[in-house]
Structures are given as structure tokens and as C-alpha cells.
All heavy atoms as atom14 arrays in JSON, in Angstrom:
{
  "sequence": "TGMNIFIIRNGSLITPGFEQDILEGITRDSVLTIAKNLGIPT",
  "atom14_mask": [
    [1, 1, 1, 1, 1, 1, 1, 0, 0, 0, 0, 0, 0, 0],
    [1, 1, 1, 1, 0, 0, 0, 0, 0, 0, 0, 0, 0, 0],
    [1, 1, 1, 1, 1, 1, 1, 1, 0, 0, 0, 0, 0, 0],
    [1, 1, 1, 1, 1, 1, 1, 1, 0, 0, 0, 0, 0, 0],
    [1, 1, 1, 1, 1, 1, 1, 1, 0, 0, 0, 0, 0, 0],
    [1, 1, 1, 1, 1, 1, 1, 1, 1, 1, 1, 0, 0, 0],
    [1, 1, 1, 1, 1, 1, 1, 1, 0, 0, 0, 0, 0, 0],
    [1, 1, 1, 1, 1, 1, 1, 1, 0, 0, 0, 0, 0, 0],
    [1, 1, 1, 1, 1, 1, 1, 1, 1, 1, 1, 0, 0, 0],
    [1, 1, 1, 1, 1, 1, 1, 1, 0, 0, 0, 0, 0, 0],
    [1, 1, 1, 1, 0, 0, 0, 0, 0, 0, 0, 0, 0, 0],
    [1, 1, 1, 1, 1, 1, 0, 0, 0, 0, 0, 0, 0, 0],
    [1, 1, 1, 1, 1, 1, 1, 1, 0, 0, 0, 0, 0, 0],
    [1, 1, 1, 1, 1, 1, 1, 1, 0, 0, 0, 0, 0, 0],
    [1, 1, 1, 1, 1, 1, 1, 0, 0, 0, 0, 0, 0, 0],
    [1, 1, 1, 1, 1, 1, 1, 0, 0, 0, 0, 0, 0, 0],
    [1, 1, 1, 1, 0, 0, 0, 0, 0, 0, 0, 0, 0, 0],
    [1, 1, 1, 1, 1, 1, 1, 1, 1, 1, 1, 0, 0, 0],
    [1, 1, 1, 1, 1, 1, 1, 1, 1, 0, 0, 0, 0, 0],
    [1, 1, 1, 1, 1, 1, 1, 1, 1, 0, 0, 0, 0, 0],
    [1, 1, 1, 1, 1, 1, 1, 1, 0, 0, 0, 0, 0, 0],
    [1, 1, 1, 1, 1, 1, 1, 1, 0, 0, 0, 0, 0, 0],
    [1, 1, 1, 1, 1, 1, 1, 1, 0, 0, 0, 0, 0, 0],
    [1, 1, 1, 1, 1, 1, 1, 1, 1, 0, 0, 0, 0, 0],
    [1, 1, 1, 1, 0, 0, 0, 0, 0, 0, 0, 0, 0, 0],
    [1, 1, 1, 1, 1, 1, 1, 1, 0, 0, 0, 0, 0, 0],
    [1, 1, 1, 1, 1, 1, 1, 0, 0, 0, 0, 0, 0, 0],
    [1, 1, 1, 1, 1, 1, 1, 1, 1, 1, 1, 0, 0, 0],
    [1, 1, 1, 1, 1, 1, 1, 1, 0, 0, 0, 0, 0, 0],
    [1, 1, 1, 1, 1, 1, 0, 0, 0, 0, 0, 0, 0, 0],
    [1, 1, 1, 1, 1, 1, 1, 0, 0, 0, 0, 0, 0, 0],
    [1, 1, 1, 1, 1, 1, 1, 1, 0, 0, 0, 0, 0, 0],
    [1, 1, 1, 1, 1, 1, 1, 0, 0, 0, 0, 0, 0, 0],
    [1, 1, 1, 1, 1, 1, 1, 1, 0, 0, 0, 0, 0, 0],
    [1, 1, 1, 1, 1, 0, 0, 0, 0, 0, 0, 0, 0, 0],
    [1, 1, 1, 1, 1, 1, 1, 1, 1, 0, 0, 0, 0, 0],
    [1, 1, 1, 1, 1, 1, 1, 1, 0, 0, 0, 0, 0, 0],
    [1, 1, 1, 1, 1, 1, 1, 1, 0, 0, 0, 0, 0, 0],
    [1, 1, 1, 1, 0, 0, 0, 0, 0, 0, 0, 0, 0, 0],
    [1, 1, 1, 1, 1, 1, 1, 1, 0, 0, 0, 0, 0, 0],
    [1, 1, 1, 1, 1, 1, 1, 0, 0, 0, 0, 0, 0, 0],
    [1, 1, 1, 1, 1, 1, 1, 0, 0, 0, 0, 0, 0, 0]
  ],
  "atom14_positions": [
    [[-48.12, 91.16, 75.75], [-48.25, 92.63, 75.38], [-47.02, 93.44, 75.74], [-46.88, 94.46, 75.18], [-49.48, 93.31, 75.89], [-49.44, 93.25, 77.33], [-50.71, 92.43, 75.37], [0.0, 0.0, 0.0], [0.0, 0.0, 0.0], [0.0, 0.0, 0.0], [0.0, 0.0, 0.0], [0.0, 0.0, 0.0], [0.0, 0.0, 0.0], [0.0, 0.0, 0.0]],
    [[-46.2, 93.03, 76.66], [-45.05, 93.73, 76.99], [-44.11, 92.87, 77.86], [-43.26, 93.27, 78.49], [0.0, 0.0, 0.0], [0.0, 0.0, 0.0], [0.0, 0.0, 0.0], [0.0, 0.0, 0.0], [0.0, 0.0, 0.0], [0.0, 0.0, 0.0], [0.0, 0.0, 0.0], [0.0, 0.0, 0.0], [0.0, 0.0, 0.0], [0.0, 0.0, 0.0]],
    [[-44.14, 91.62, 77.53], [-43.43, 90.59, 78.21], [-43.1, 89.42, 77.32], [-43.77, 89.14, 76.33], [-44.22, 90.1, 79.38], [-44.49, 91.01, 80.45], [-46.09, 90.72, 81.3], [-47.2, 91.39, 80.08], [0.0, 0.0, 0.0], [0.0, 0.0, 0.0], [0.0, 0.0, 0.0], [0.0, 0.0, 0.0], [0.0, 0.0, 0.0], [0.0, 0.0, 0.0]],
    [[-41.97, 88.81, 77.6], [-41.52, 87.48, 76.97], [-42.33, 86.39, 77.6], [-42.77, 86.5, 78.75], [-40.04, 87.24, 77.01], [-39.31, 88.32, 76.23], [-38.57, 89.19, 76.73], [-39.38, 88.24, 74.89], [0.0, 0.0, 0.0], [0.0, 0.0, 0.0], [0.0, 0.0, 0.0], [0.0, 0.0, 0.0], [0.0, 0.0, 0.0], [0.0, 0.0, 0.0]],
    [[-42.29, 85.22, 76.99], [-43.06, 84.04, 77.45], [-42.12, 82.88, 77.57], [-41.25, 82.66, 76.65], [-44.33, 83.77, 76.58], [-45.11, 82.69, 77.21], [-43.87, 83.4, 75.14], [-46.44, 82.48, 76.64], [0.0, 0.0, 0.0], [0.0, 0.0, 0.0], [0.0, 0.0, 0.0], [0.0, 0.0, 0.0], [0.0, 0.0, 0.0], [0.0, 0.0, 0.0]],
    [[-42.29, 81.99, 78.65], [-41.61, 80.71, 78.72], [-42.54, 79.56, 79.06], [-43.66, 79.91, 79.7], [-40.61, 80.86, 79.92], [-39.32, 81.68, 79.74], [-39.39, 83.05, 79.74], [-38.17, 80.98, 79.33], [-38.22, 83.79, 79.53], [-36.95, 81.81, 79.12], [-36.98, 83.2, 79.22], [0.0, 0.0, 0.0], [0.0, 0.0, 0.0], [0.0, 0.0, 0.0]],
    [[-42.26, 78.46, 78.63], [-42.99, 77.28, 78.97], [-42.0, 76.27, 79.58], [-40.79, 76.36, 79.3], [-43.9, 76.66, 77.94], [-42.89, 76.08, 76.82], [-44.72, 77.74, 77.34], [-43.75, 75.29, 75.76], [0.0, 0.0, 0.0], [0.0, 0.0, 0.0], [0.0, 0.0, 0.0], [0.0, 0.0, 0.0], [0.0, 0.0, 0.0], [0.0, 0.0, 0.0]],
    [[-42.55, 75.3, 80.54], [-41.73, 74.3, 80.96], [-42.37, 73.04, 80.6], [-43.54, 72.84, 80.74], [-41.56, 74.37, 82.48], [-40.68, 75.64, 82.95], [-40.95, 73.1, 83.06], [-41.46, 76.81, 83.24], [0.0, 0.0, 0.0], [0.0, 0.0, 0.0], [0.0, 0.0, 0.0], [0.0, 0.0, 0.0], [0.0, 0.0, 0.0], [0.0, 0.0, 0.0]],
    [[-41.62, 72.18, 79.92], [-42.09, 70.88, 79.51], [-40.95, 69.82, 79.84], [-39.89, 69.99, 79.45], [-42.47, 70.73, 78.03], [-43.62, 71.54, 77.6], [-44.2, 71.29, 76.24], [-44.71, 69.94, 76.18], [-45.02, 69.23, 75.18], [-44.79, 69.82, 73.91], [-45.61, 68.18, 75.12], [0.0, 0.0, 0.0], [0.0, 0.0, 0.0], [0.0, 0.0, 0.0]],
    [[-41.39, 68.82, 80.59], [-40.53, 67.68, 80.97], [-39.19, 68.16, 81.57], [-38.16, 67.66, 81.19], [-40.23, 66.87, 79.71], [-41.57, 66.27, 79.2], [-42.43, 65.76, 79.91], [-41.58, 66.28, 77.87], [0.0, 0.0, 0.0], [0.0, 0.0, 0.0], [0.0, 0.0, 0.0], [0.0, 0.0, 0.0], [0.0, 0.0, 0.0], [0.0, 0.0, 0.0]],
    [[-39.26, 69.2, 82.34], [-38.16, 69.65, 83.14], [-37.28, 70.66, 82.22], [-36.26, 71.15, 82.84], [0.0, 0.0, 0.0], [0.0, 0.0, 0.0], [0.0, 0.0, 0.0], [0.0, 0.0, 0.0], [0.0, 0.0, 0.0], [0.0, 0.0, 0.0], [0.0, 0.0, 0.0], [0.0, 0.0, 0.0], [0.0, 0.0, 0.0], [0.0, 0.0, 0.0]],
    [[-37.52, 71.04, 81.02], [-36.75, 71.94, 80.23], [-37.52, 73.22, 80.08], [-38.81, 73.31, 80.08], [-36.56, 71.43, 78.76], [-35.81, 70.2, 78.86], [0.0, 0.0, 0.0], [0.0, 0.0, 0.0], [0.0, 0.0, 0.0], [0.0, 0.0, 0.0], [0.0, 0.0, 0.0], [0.0, 0.0, 0.0], [0.0, 0.0, 0.0], [0.0, 0.0, 0.0]],
    [[-36.76, 74.32, 80.11], [-37.28, 75.7, 80.02], [-37.19, 76.06, 78.51], [-36.2, 76.07, 77.94], [-36.43, 76.63, 80.9], [-36.86, 78.16, 80.85], [-38.27, 78.2, 81.73], [-35.84, 78.9, 81.61], [0.0, 0.0, 0.0], [0.0, 0.0, 0.0], [0.0, 0.0, 0.0], [0.0, 0.0, 0.0], [0.0, 0.0, 0.0], [0.0, 0.0, 0.0]],
    [[-38.33, 76.46, 77.95], [-38.43, 76.69, 76.57], [-38.97, 78.09, 76.33], [-39.93, 78.52, 76.92], [-39.35, 75.66, 75.87], [-38.89, 74.29, 76.18], [-39.26, 75.77, 74.38], [-39.9, 73.07, 75.86], [0.0, 0.0, 0.0], [0.0, 0.0, 0.0], [0.0, 0.0, 0.0], [0.0, 0.0, 0.0], [0.0, 0.0, 0.0], [0.0, 0.0, 0.0]],
    [[-38.31, 78.8, 75.27], [-38.8, 80.06, 74.98], [-38.6, 80.33, 73.54], [-37.63, 79.82, 72.94], [-38.1, 81.27, 75.86], [-38.84, 82.39, 75.74], [-36.63, 81.38, 75.46], [0.0, 0.0, 0.0], [0.0, 0.0, 0.0], [0.0, 0.0, 0.0], [0.0, 0.0, 0.0], [0.0, 0.0, 0.0], [0.0, 0.0, 0.0], [0.0, 0.0, 0.0]],
    [[-39.49, 81.17, 72.79], [-39.18, 81.55, 71.47], [-37.81, 82.22, 71.31], [-37.43, 83.0, 72.15], [-40.33, 82.4, 71.05], [-41.37, 82.21, 72.08], [-40.74, 81.74, 73.33], [0.0, 0.0, 0.0], [0.0, 0.0, 0.0], [0.0, 0.0, 0.0], [0.0, 0.0, 0.0], [0.0, 0.0, 0.0], [0.0, 0.0, 0.0], [0.0, 0.0, 0.0]],
    [[-37.1, 81.93, 70.22], [-35.84, 82.6, 69.91], [-36.07, 83.89, 69.27], [-37.15, 84.25, 68.86], [0.0, 0.0, 0.0], [0.0, 0.0, 0.0], [0.0, 0.0, 0.0], [0.0, 0.0, 0.0], [0.0, 0.0, 0.0], [0.0, 0.0, 0.0], [0.0, 0.0, 0.0], [0.0, 0.0, 0.0], [0.0, 0.0, 0.0], [0.0, 0.0, 0.0]],
    [[-34.93, 84.59, 69.01], [-35.05, 85.99, 68.39], [-35.65, 85.85, 66.98], [-36.2, 86.84, 66.49], [-33.72, 86.64, 68.43], [-33.2, 87.01, 69.72], [-31.82, 86.85, 69.97], [-34.02, 87.41, 70.78], [-31.25, 87.25, 71.19], [-33.51, 87.7, 72.05], [-32.05, 87.6, 72.13], [0.0, 0.0, 0.0], [0.0, 0.0, 0.0], [0.0, 0.0, 0.0]],
    [[-35.49, 84.91, 66.35], [-36.05, 84.85, 64.86], [-37.48, 84.71, 65.04], [-38.12, 84.77, 63.87], [-35.37, 83.44, 64.23], [-36.04, 82.1, 64.64], [-35.78, 81.69, 65.99], [-34.79, 82.3, 66.65], [-36.25, 80.62, 66.39], [0.0, 0.0, 0.0], [0.0, 0.0, 0.0], [0.0, 0.0, 0.0], [0.0, 0.0, 0.0], [0.0, 0.0, 0.0]],
    [[-38.2, 84.62, 66.03], [-39.64, 84.6, 66.15], [-40.26, 85.96, 66.32], [-41.37, 86.08, 66.66], [-40.09, 83.6, 67.28], [-39.59, 82.17, 67.12], [-40.22, 81.59, 65.85], [-41.4, 81.66, 65.58], [-39.29, 81.03, 65.03], [0.0, 0.0, 0.0], [0.0, 0.0, 0.0], [0.0, 0.0, 0.0], [0.0, 0.0, 0.0], [0.0, 0.0, 0.0]],
    [[-39.43, 87.02, 66.03], [-39.98, 88.44, 66.11], [-40.29, 88.89, 67.48], [-41.17, 89.63, 67.72], [-41.16, 88.61, 65.18], [-40.71, 88.54, 63.74], [-39.61, 88.83, 63.38], [-41.56, 88.11, 62.87], [0.0, 0.0, 0.0], [0.0, 0.0, 0.0], [0.0, 0.0, 0.0], [0.0, 0.0, 0.0], [0.0, 0.0, 0.0], [0.0, 0.0, 0.0]],
    [[-39.48, 88.33, 68.45], [-39.74, 88.83, 69.85], [-38.84, 89.93, 70.21], [-37.94, 90.38, 69.35], [-39.38, 87.68, 70.71], [-37.93, 87.3, 70.8], [-40.26, 86.36, 70.48], [-37.41, 86.38, 71.94], [0.0, 0.0, 0.0], [0.0, 0.0, 0.0], [0.0, 0.0, 0.0], [0.0, 0.0, 0.0], [0.0, 0.0, 0.0], [0.0, 0.0, 0.0]],
    [[-39.3, 90.74, 71.23], [-38.32, 91.74, 71.81], [-37.14, 91.08, 72.49], [-37.27, 89.94, 73.19], [-39.08, 92.58, 72.72], [-38.21, 93.64, 73.42], [-37.91, 94.87, 72.45], [-39.0, 94.22, 74.72], [0.0, 0.0, 0.0], [0.0, 0.0, 0.0], [0.0, 0.0, 0.0], [0.0, 0.0, 0.0], [0.0, 0.0, 0.0], [0.0, 0.0, 0.0]],
    [[-35.92, 91.68, 72.35], [-34.71, 91.15, 73.06], [-34.86, 91.55, 74.51], [-34.26, 92.54, 74.8], [-33.5, 91.65, 72.47], [-33.35, 91.16, 70.98], [-32.05, 91.5, 70.34], [-31.28, 92.41, 70.9], [-31.69, 90.98, 69.21], [0.0, 0.0, 0.0], [0.0, 0.0, 0.0], [0.0, 0.0, 0.0], [0.0, 0.0, 0.0], [0.0, 0.0, 0.0]],
    [[-35.62, 90.88, 75.32], [-35.87, 91.23, 76.63], [-34.72, 91.04, 77.49], [-34.03, 89.99, 77.56], [0.0, 0.0, 0.0], [0.0, 0.0, 0.0], [0.0, 0.0, 0.0], [0.0, 0.0, 0.0], [0.0, 0.0, 0.0], [0.0, 0.0, 0.0], [0.0, 0.0, 0.0], [0.0, 0.0, 0.0], [0.0, 0.0, 0.0], [0.0, 0.0, 0.0]],
    [[-34.45, 92.06, 78.52], [-33.31, 91.94, 79.43], [-33.76, 90.96, 80.49], [-32.84, 90.2, 80.96], [-33.04, 93.29, 79.89], [-32.43, 94.07, 78.73], [-32.07, 93.14, 81.04], [-32.36, 95.51, 79.01], [0.0, 0.0, 0.0], [0.0, 0.0, 0.0], [0.0, 0.0, 0.0], [0.0, 0.0, 0.0], [0.0, 0.0, 0.0], [0.0, 0.0, 0.0]],
    [[-35.03, 90.96, 81.0], [-35.35, 89.99, 82.03], [-35.38, 88.47, 81.46], [-34.99, 87.53, 82.04], [-36.91, 90.27, 82.6], [-36.86, 91.63, 82.94], [-37.21, 89.35, 83.6], [0.0, 0.0, 0.0], [0.0, 0.0, 0.0], [0.0, 0.0, 0.0], [0.0, 0.0, 0.0], [0.0, 0.0, 0.0], [0.0, 0.0, 0.0], [0.0, 0.0, 0.0]],
    [[-35.64, 88.44, 80.11], [-35.57, 87.21, 79.37], [-34.2, 86.55, 79.45], [-33.92, 85.4, 79.81], [-36.09, 87.29, 78.03], [-35.95, 85.99, 77.1], [-36.21, 86.46, 75.68], [-36.08, 85.27, 74.73], [-34.98, 84.86, 74.2], [-33.87, 85.5, 74.5], [-34.83, 83.77, 73.4], [0.0, 0.0, 0.0], [0.0, 0.0, 0.0], [0.0, 0.0, 0.0]],
    [[-33.24, 87.43, 78.99], [-31.88, 87.04, 79.13], [-31.4, 86.71, 80.53], [-30.67, 85.72, 80.72], [-31.05, 88.27, 78.64], [-29.52, 88.04, 78.79], [-28.94, 87.27, 77.9], [-28.93, 88.56, 79.63], [0.0, 0.0, 0.0], [0.0, 0.0, 0.0], [0.0, 0.0, 0.0], [0.0, 0.0, 0.0], [0.0, 0.0, 0.0], [0.0, 0.0, 0.0]],
    [[-31.88, 87.37, 81.6], [-31.57, 87.13, 83.01], [-32.04, 85.74, 83.36], [-31.37, 85.0, 84.02], [-32.18, 88.21, 83.87], [-31.64, 89.5, 83.52], [0.0, 0.0, 0.0], [0.0, 0.0, 0.0], [0.0, 0.0, 0.0], [0.0, 0.0, 0.0], [0.0, 0.0, 0.0], [0.0, 0.0, 0.0], [0.0, 0.0, 0.0], [0.0, 0.0, 0.0]],
    [[-33.31, 85.46, 82.99], [-33.93, 84.15, 83.35], [-33.13, 83.08, 82.7], [-32.91, 82.01, 83.28], [-35.4, 84.13, 82.85], [-36.06, 82.75, 82.93], [-36.22, 85.1, 83.76], [0.0, 0.0, 0.0], [0.0, 0.0, 0.0], [0.0, 0.0, 0.0], [0.0, 0.0, 0.0], [0.0, 0.0, 0.0], [0.0, 0.0, 0.0], [0.0, 0.0, 0.0]],
    [[-32.81, 83.18, 81.39], [-32.06, 82.15, 80.76], [-30.72, 81.85, 81.47], [-30.28, 80.67, 81.62], [-31.85, 82.52, 79.25], [-33.08, 82.33, 78.34], [-32.8, 82.88, 77.01], [-33.41, 80.89, 78.16], [0.0, 0.0, 0.0], [0.0, 0.0, 0.0], [0.0, 0.0, 0.0], [0.0, 0.0, 0.0], [0.0, 0.0, 0.0], [0.0, 0.0, 0.0]],
    [[-29.96, 82.97, 81.78], [-28.74, 82.84, 82.42], [-28.88, 82.11, 83.77], [-28.04, 81.24, 84.2], [-28.04, 84.19, 82.62], [-28.01, 84.74, 81.25], [-26.75, 84.07, 83.28], [0.0, 0.0, 0.0], [0.0, 0.0, 0.0], [0.0, 0.0, 0.0], [0.0, 0.0, 0.0], [0.0, 0.0, 0.0], [0.0, 0.0, 0.0], [0.0, 0.0, 0.0]],
    [[-29.93, 82.61, 84.57], [-30.16, 81.95, 85.87], [-30.43, 80.46, 85.71], [-29.88, 79.58, 86.49], [-31.25, 82.7, 86.58], [-30.82, 84.1, 86.99], [-31.62, 81.98, 87.89], [-31.97, 85.08, 87.34], [0.0, 0.0, 0.0], [0.0, 0.0, 0.0], [0.0, 0.0, 0.0], [0.0, 0.0, 0.0], [0.0, 0.0, 0.0], [0.0, 0.0, 0.0]],
    [[-31.26, 80.11, 84.74], [-31.76, 78.77, 84.53], [-30.46, 77.94, 84.21], [-30.25, 76.73, 84.91], [-32.76, 78.71, 83.48], [0.0, 0.0, 0.0], [0.0, 0.0, 0.0], [0.0, 0.0, 0.0], [0.0, 0.0, 0.0], [0.0, 0.0, 0.0], [0.0, 0.0, 0.0], [0.0, 0.0, 0.0], [0.0, 0.0, 0.0], [0.0, 0.0, 0.0]],
    [[-29.59, 78.32, 83.28], [-28.4, 77.56, 82.98], [-27.44, 77.32, 84.2], [-26.96, 76.31, 84.35], [-27.63, 78.3, 81.86], [-28.45, 78.29, 80.57], [-27.87, 79.15, 79.51], [-28.59, 79.2, 78.13], [-28.04, 80.2, 77.19], [0.0, 0.0, 0.0], [0.0, 0.0, 0.0], [0.0, 0.0, 0.0], [0.0, 0.0, 0.0], [0.0, 0.0, 0.0]],
    [[-27.28, 78.51, 84.96], [-26.56, 78.33, 86.18], [-27.12, 77.37, 87.28], [-26.38, 76.84, 88.06], [-26.26, 79.69, 86.71], [-25.4, 80.6, 85.95], [-24.77, 80.05, 84.99], [-25.5, 81.92, 86.11], [0.0, 0.0, 0.0], [0.0, 0.0, 0.0], [0.0, 0.0, 0.0], [0.0, 0.0, 0.0], [0.0, 0.0, 0.0], [0.0, 0.0, 0.0]],
    [[-28.42, 77.21, 87.17], [-29.19, 76.25, 88.16], [-29.16, 74.91, 87.6], [-29.72, 73.94, 88.29], [-30.49, 76.77, 88.43], [-30.58, 78.07, 89.31], [-32.19, 78.45, 89.32], [-30.11, 77.78, 90.81], [0.0, 0.0, 0.0], [0.0, 0.0, 0.0], [0.0, 0.0, 0.0], [0.0, 0.0, 0.0], [0.0, 0.0, 0.0], [0.0, 0.0, 0.0]],
    [[-28.62, 74.69, 86.42], [-28.63, 73.42, 85.83], [-29.92, 73.03, 85.18], [-30.21, 71.8, 84.91], [0.0, 0.0, 0.0], [0.0, 0.0, 0.0], [0.0, 0.0, 0.0], [0.0, 0.0, 0.0], [0.0, 0.0, 0.0], [0.0, 0.0, 0.0], [0.0, 0.0, 0.0], [0.0, 0.0, 0.0], [0.0, 0.0, 0.0], [0.0, 0.0, 0.0]],
    [[-30.75, 74.01, 84.86], [-32.16, 73.63, 84.22], [-31.94, 73.85, 82.72], [-31.41, 74.75, 82.17], [-33.21, 74.75, 84.66], [-33.37, 74.69, 86.15], [-34.4, 74.51, 83.89], [-34.19, 75.91, 86.64], [0.0, 0.0, 0.0], [0.0, 0.0, 0.0], [0.0, 0.0, 0.0], [0.0, 0.0, 0.0], [0.0, 0.0, 0.0], [0.0, 0.0, 0.0]],
    [[-32.12, 72.68, 82.04], [-31.98, 72.73, 80.52], [-32.74, 73.92, 79.85], [-33.99, 74.1, 80.28], [-32.55, 71.38, 80.09], [-32.52, 70.43, 81.24], [-32.78, 71.36, 82.45], [0.0, 0.0, 0.0], [0.0, 0.0, 0.0], [0.0, 0.0, 0.0], [0.0, 0.0, 0.0], [0.0, 0.0, 0.0], [0.0, 0.0, 0.0], [0.0, 0.0, 0.0]],
    [[-32.16, 74.6, 79.1], [-32.86, 75.64, 78.26], [-32.91, 75.46, 76.73], [-31.8, 75.02, 76.18], [-32.25, 77.08, 78.6], [-30.82, 77.11, 78.16], [-32.23, 77.32, 80.17], [0.0, 0.0, 0.0], [0.0, 0.0, 0.0], [0.0, 0.0, 0.0], [0.0, 0.0, 0.0], [0.0, 0.0, 0.0], [0.0, 0.0, 0.0], [0.0, 0.0, 0.0]]
  ]
}
């Protein structure tokens, strides 16, 4: 209702893309950047 959503499957971090009518979340962007820097597949 006011947040983006992520799931983890088999070690990968998965989230809907912008084409799925989501809000361009700033925390979402932060999480994706942090995950990539930690070596977590996104």
C-alpha cells in the first residue's frame, strides 16, 4: 500500500520492474544498489 516488494528465491533478489506499474521507490533503488555491491544477484 505504500511500499515496494522483494522476494528471494535460490539466492537471487527479485522485484517487479518499472513496467509493472510500481512506484519508483527510493528505498527500492537503495536496496538494489546495496545488494549488487554485496554480490547478491538482482
